[in-house]
Protein backbone atom coordinates (compact mmCIF):
# COMPACT_ATOMS: atom_id res chain seq x y z
CA MET A 1 5.59 0.17 -19.53
CA LYS A 2 7.23 -2.53 -17.43
CA ILE A 3 5.31 -3.69 -14.37
CA ASP A 4 5.72 -6.18 -11.53
CA ILE A 5 2.44 -7.41 -10.07
CA ILE A 6 2.88 -8.65 -6.51
CA GLY A 7 0.63 -11.32 -4.99
CA ASP A 8 -1.14 -11.26 -1.63
CA VAL A 9 1.40 -10.07 0.97
CA HIS A 10 -0.79 -10.55 4.09
CA GLY A 11 1.61 -8.81 6.46
CA CYS A 12 4.69 -10.78 5.35
CA MET A 13 7.03 -7.80 5.30
CA GLU A 14 10.28 -9.75 5.37
CA GLU A 15 9.32 -11.80 2.33
CA LEU A 16 8.15 -8.66 0.51
CA CYS A 17 11.55 -7.05 1.02
CA SER A 18 13.22 -10.24 -0.23
CA LEU A 19 11.00 -10.26 -3.32
CA PHE A 20 11.83 -6.65 -4.15
CA ASP A 21 15.51 -7.49 -3.78
CA LYS A 22 15.19 -10.48 -6.12
CA LEU A 23 13.30 -8.29 -8.64
CA GLY A 24 16.22 -5.86 -8.69
CA TYR A 25 14.74 -2.99 -6.70
CA ASP A 26 16.84 -0.66 -4.55
CA LEU A 27 15.79 0.66 -1.14
CA LYS A 28 15.92 4.46 -1.30
CA ASN A 29 14.28 6.84 1.19
CA ASP A 30 12.42 3.92 2.78
CA ILE A 31 10.78 2.77 -0.46
CA PHE A 32 11.74 0.29 -3.17
CA VAL A 33 12.61 1.78 -6.57
CA HIS A 34 13.72 -0.06 -9.68
CA PRO A 35 16.67 1.41 -11.61
CA ASP A 36 14.84 0.79 -14.90
CA GLY A 37 11.67 2.53 -13.74
CA ARG A 38 9.56 -0.61 -13.37
CA ILE A 39 6.25 -0.09 -11.54
CA PRO A 40 5.15 -2.54 -8.83
CA ILE A 41 1.42 -3.18 -8.49
CA PHE A 42 0.01 -4.75 -5.32
CA VAL A 43 -2.90 -7.09 -6.02
CA GLY A 44 -4.58 -6.51 -2.63
CA ASP A 45 -4.74 -8.19 0.77
CA ILE A 46 -1.58 -6.51 2.00
CA THR A 47 -2.61 -7.07 5.65
CA ASP A 48 -4.00 -9.76 8.02
CA ARG A 49 -2.73 -13.14 9.19
CA GLY A 50 0.97 -12.33 8.79
CA PRO A 51 3.43 -10.98 11.37
CA ASP A 52 3.88 -7.34 10.30
CA SER A 53 0.84 -5.79 8.64
CA ILE A 54 1.57 -2.31 10.04
CA SER A 55 4.97 -2.16 8.31
CA VAL A 56 3.40 -3.28 5.04
CA ILE A 57 0.76 -0.55 5.31
CA LYS A 58 3.47 2.07 5.85
CA LEU A 59 5.54 0.88 2.90
CA VAL A 60 2.67 0.56 0.44
CA TYR A 61 1.28 3.95 1.48
CA LYS A 62 4.65 5.62 0.90
CA MET A 63 5.19 3.92 -2.45
CA VAL A 64 1.66 4.48 -3.79
CA VAL A 65 0.33 7.68 -2.21
CA VAL A 66 3.38 9.72 -1.26
CA HIS A 67 5.92 8.93 -3.97
CA HIS A 68 3.68 7.59 -6.79
CA LYS A 69 6.15 4.75 -7.44
CA ALA A 70 3.63 1.92 -7.22
CA ASN A 71 -0.04 1.06 -7.69
CA TYR A 72 -2.48 -0.87 -5.55
CA VAL A 73 -5.91 -2.46 -5.84
CA PRO A 74 -7.81 -3.53 -2.71
CA GLY A 75 -8.69 -7.05 -1.68
CA ASN A 76 -11.41 -8.38 0.58
CA HIS A 77 -9.14 -8.19 3.64
CA CYS A 78 -8.38 -4.57 2.77
CA ASN A 79 -12.10 -3.88 2.56
CA LYS A 80 -12.67 -5.44 5.97
CA LEU A 81 -9.87 -3.43 7.59
CA TYR A 82 -11.25 -0.28 6.00
CA ARG A 83 -14.68 -1.00 7.49
CA PHE A 84 -13.03 -1.59 10.87
CA PHE A 85 -11.41 1.84 10.66
CA LEU A 86 -14.79 3.34 9.74
CA GLY A 87 -16.08 2.01 13.05
CA ASN A 88 -18.29 -0.66 11.56
CA ASN A 89 -19.07 -3.77 13.56
CA VAL A 90 -16.84 -6.27 11.76
CA LEU A 91 -15.83 -9.63 13.20
CA HIS A 92 -12.21 -9.84 14.32
CA ARG A 93 -11.45 -13.18 12.71
CA TYR A 94 -10.14 -14.73 9.47
CA GLY A 95 -6.96 -12.71 9.93
CA LEU A 96 -8.28 -9.28 10.86
CA GLU A 97 -7.59 -10.03 14.52
CA THR A 98 -3.83 -10.06 13.86
CA THR A 99 -3.85 -6.60 12.26
CA VAL A 100 -6.11 -5.20 14.97
CA ALA A 101 -3.78 -6.60 17.66
CA GLU A 102 -0.81 -4.83 16.05
CA TYR A 103 -2.84 -1.65 15.69
CA VAL A 104 -4.14 -1.42 19.28
CA ALA A 105 -0.63 -2.05 20.63
CA LEU A 106 0.56 1.19 19.02
CA PRO A 107 0.63 4.54 20.83
CA ARG A 108 -2.57 6.52 20.27
CA ASN A 109 -1.01 9.07 17.88
CA GLU A 110 0.57 6.28 15.84
CA GLN A 111 -2.81 4.55 15.63
CA GLN A 112 -4.27 7.70 14.11
CA ASN A 113 -1.45 7.90 11.58
CA ILE A 114 -1.84 4.29 10.49
CA MET A 115 -5.61 4.61 10.19
CA GLU A 116 -5.28 7.74 8.05
CA MET A 117 -2.60 6.13 5.87
CA PHE A 118 -4.64 3.03 5.17
CA MET A 119 -7.94 4.82 4.61
CA THR A 120 -6.27 7.25 2.18
CA LEU A 121 -4.64 4.36 0.33
CA TYR A 122 -7.97 2.54 0.10
CA ASP A 123 -10.02 5.61 -0.82
CA GLN A 124 -7.70 6.47 -3.71
CA ALA A 125 -7.51 2.93 -5.09
CA PRO A 126 -9.48 1.77 -8.13
CA LEU A 127 -11.60 -1.37 -7.80
CA TYR A 128 -9.32 -2.92 -10.41
CA LEU A 129 -6.56 -1.50 -12.56
CA GLN A 130 -6.43 -1.48 -16.34
CA VAL A 131 -2.93 -1.10 -17.77
CA PRO A 132 -3.35 -0.95 -21.56
CA GLU A 133 0.37 -0.30 -22.06
CA ALA A 134 1.03 -3.75 -20.62
CA ASN A 135 -2.13 -5.35 -22.05
CA ALA A 136 -3.17 -6.22 -18.51
CA ILE A 137 -5.89 -5.92 -15.90
CA ILE A 138 -5.10 -6.35 -12.22
CA ALA A 139 -8.01 -7.33 -9.96
CA HIS A 140 -7.72 -8.93 -6.53
CA ALA A 141 -9.99 -11.91 -7.16
CA GLY A 142 -10.11 -11.58 -10.95
CA ILE A 143 -12.78 -10.21 -13.25
CA LYS A 144 -15.03 -11.65 -15.94
CA GLU A 145 -14.60 -10.31 -19.45
CA GLU A 146 -18.12 -8.87 -19.57
CA LEU A 147 -17.51 -6.91 -16.34
CA ILE A 148 -14.43 -5.06 -17.59
CA GLY A 149 -15.10 -1.33 -17.71
CA ARG A 150 -17.84 -1.45 -15.08
CA THR A 151 -17.64 -0.35 -11.43
CA ASP A 152 -21.07 -1.28 -10.07
CA LYS A 153 -21.87 -3.34 -6.98
CA ARG A 154 -21.69 -6.66 -8.82
CA VAL A 155 -18.21 -5.82 -10.08
CA LYS A 156 -17.07 -4.78 -6.60
CA THR A 157 -18.24 -8.09 -5.13
CA PHE A 158 -16.54 -10.04 -7.91
CA VAL A 159 -13.14 -8.33 -7.76
CA LEU A 160 -13.05 -8.57 -3.95
CA TYR A 161 -14.42 -12.10 -3.45
CA GLY A 162 -14.34 -13.88 -6.80
CA ASP A 163 -17.14 -15.75 -8.54
CA ILE A 164 -18.86 -16.84 -5.35
CA SER A 165 -21.65 -19.39 -5.57
CA GLY A 166 -23.27 -18.73 -2.19
CA GLN A 167 -22.40 -22.27 -1.10
CA PHE A 168 -19.74 -23.44 1.36
CA ASP A 169 -17.55 -26.52 1.61
CA ALA A 170 -17.28 -28.86 4.60
CA ASP A 171 -14.73 -26.55 6.25
CA GLY A 172 -17.01 -23.53 5.90
CA ARG A 173 -15.05 -21.90 3.08
CA PRO A 174 -17.00 -20.30 0.23
CA ILE A 175 -17.20 -22.33 -2.96
CA ARG A 176 -16.12 -20.24 -5.94
CA ARG A 177 -16.75 -20.92 -9.60
CA ASP A 178 -13.71 -21.28 -11.83
CA TRP A 179 -14.31 -18.14 -13.91
CA ALA A 180 -10.81 -18.29 -15.47
CA LYS A 181 -11.75 -21.36 -17.50
CA HIS A 182 -14.31 -19.28 -19.36
CA TYR A 183 -12.14 -16.22 -20.02
CA HIS A 184 -11.20 -15.80 -23.67
CA GLY A 185 -9.98 -12.20 -23.75
CA THR A 186 -6.67 -11.02 -25.13
CA GLN A 187 -5.62 -8.98 -22.09
CA TRP A 188 -3.79 -10.60 -19.21
CA ILE A 189 -5.85 -10.77 -16.02
CA ILE A 190 -3.59 -10.99 -12.99
CA TYR A 191 -5.20 -11.80 -9.66
CA GLY A 192 -4.73 -13.50 -6.29
CA HIS A 193 -7.21 -14.15 -3.46
CA THR A 194 -7.27 -17.96 -3.67
CA PRO A 195 -4.00 -19.54 -2.43
CA VAL A 196 -2.37 -21.97 -4.87
CA LYS A 197 0.94 -23.82 -4.53
CA LYS A 198 2.16 -22.65 -7.94
CA PRO A 199 0.99 -19.69 -10.05
CA ARG A 200 -2.00 -20.92 -12.03
CA ILE A 201 -2.22 -19.91 -15.68
CA VAL A 202 -5.53 -20.57 -17.44
CA ASN A 203 -6.19 -18.97 -20.82
CA LYS A 204 -4.74 -15.48 -20.36
CA THR A 205 -5.25 -15.31 -16.59
CA ILE A 206 -2.75 -15.95 -13.81
CA ASN A 207 -3.37 -16.42 -10.09
CA ILE A 208 -0.26 -15.26 -8.21
CA ASP A 209 -1.44 -15.78 -4.63
CA THR A 210 1.02 -18.53 -3.79
CA GLY A 211 0.10 -18.46 -0.11
CA CYS A 212 3.07 -16.69 1.45
CA VAL A 213 1.27 -16.30 4.77
CA PHE A 214 0.50 -20.03 4.71
CA GLY A 215 4.15 -21.00 4.35
CA ASN A 216 4.62 -21.38 0.60
CA ALA A 217 5.94 -18.39 -1.38
CA LEU A 218 5.42 -14.74 -2.34
CA THR A 219 5.17 -14.30 -6.09
CA ALA A 220 5.39 -11.52 -8.66
CA PHE A 221 4.40 -11.61 -12.34
CA ARG A 222 6.45 -9.39 -14.65
CA LEU A 223 5.15 -7.82 -17.83
CA PRO A 224 5.88 -7.58 -20.71
CA GLU A 225 8.30 -10.45 -20.01
CA GLU A 226 5.54 -12.76 -18.73
CA ALA A 227 8.03 -13.95 -16.12
CA ILE A 228 7.24 -15.41 -12.70
CA VAL A 229 9.51 -14.54 -9.77
CA SER A 230 9.02 -16.02 -6.28
CA VAL A 231 10.72 -16.06 -2.90
CA PRO A 232 10.09 -18.73 -0.23
CA SER A 233 7.91 -17.95 2.77
CA LYS A 234 9.28 -17.88 6.29
CA GLN A 235 5.88 -18.80 7.77
CA PRO A 236 4.81 -22.31 8.85
CA LEU A 237 3.38 -24.40 6.02
CA MET A 238 -0.39 -24.96 6.25
CA GLU A 239 -1.26 -27.44 3.50
CA ASP A 240 -5.01 -27.30 4.09
CA LYS A 241 -5.17 -23.62 3.03
CA PHE A 242 -4.43 -24.24 -0.64
CA SER A 243 -6.90 -24.76 -3.45
CA TYR A 244 -6.42 -27.29 -6.21
CA PHE A 245 -8.39 -26.55 -9.36
CA THR A 246 -8.46 -29.12 -12.12
């Protein structure tokens, strides 16, 4: 099996289309299909902050749910949007406000369609995806070796938010432990969640959230080739949004 894992899109539809083009996909019937049958896998956080979250929802829904030509795992932003659609009292900040603004500007019947699309996509998604044929695990914020195979509350928190410490830095951002340093498994773990300027490979893990929505790049990781493919972002560069692990 040949797969292309795509980093956090965050509503950057134009860059996503450019990435598919660079990866050799063709646009057929409003979805991207690879002539060699490669399967794209979205690593979560497809919405929020960027300029066109609604279009990304439509595309990912068609590719994953309707045509079964892609896979998807949810991220923390996906979880928050899902809770918004459930009617929960979630704060419209940290990016959700951009998706909500797009959503409420739609005609009422189109709002219903988008809500149903996204909730179906989310409901059908696994917490994380194991792809033994590619010797890989795809999880939005990563996963510790001892958690693989589990789906309990602790695992859900980890794959959505990472190895959170409960502490915050001076800017109010959560401080996360560097779990990748302690991973010694033989399967690739491909994740995003924490924006980095360049894909970060530690042991057999790779963070492919290269901060497209913050002006850097949108990145895919190809297996079995172990190749990195990126396209530049069209968004303004925000240097303070990137993390620098040692």
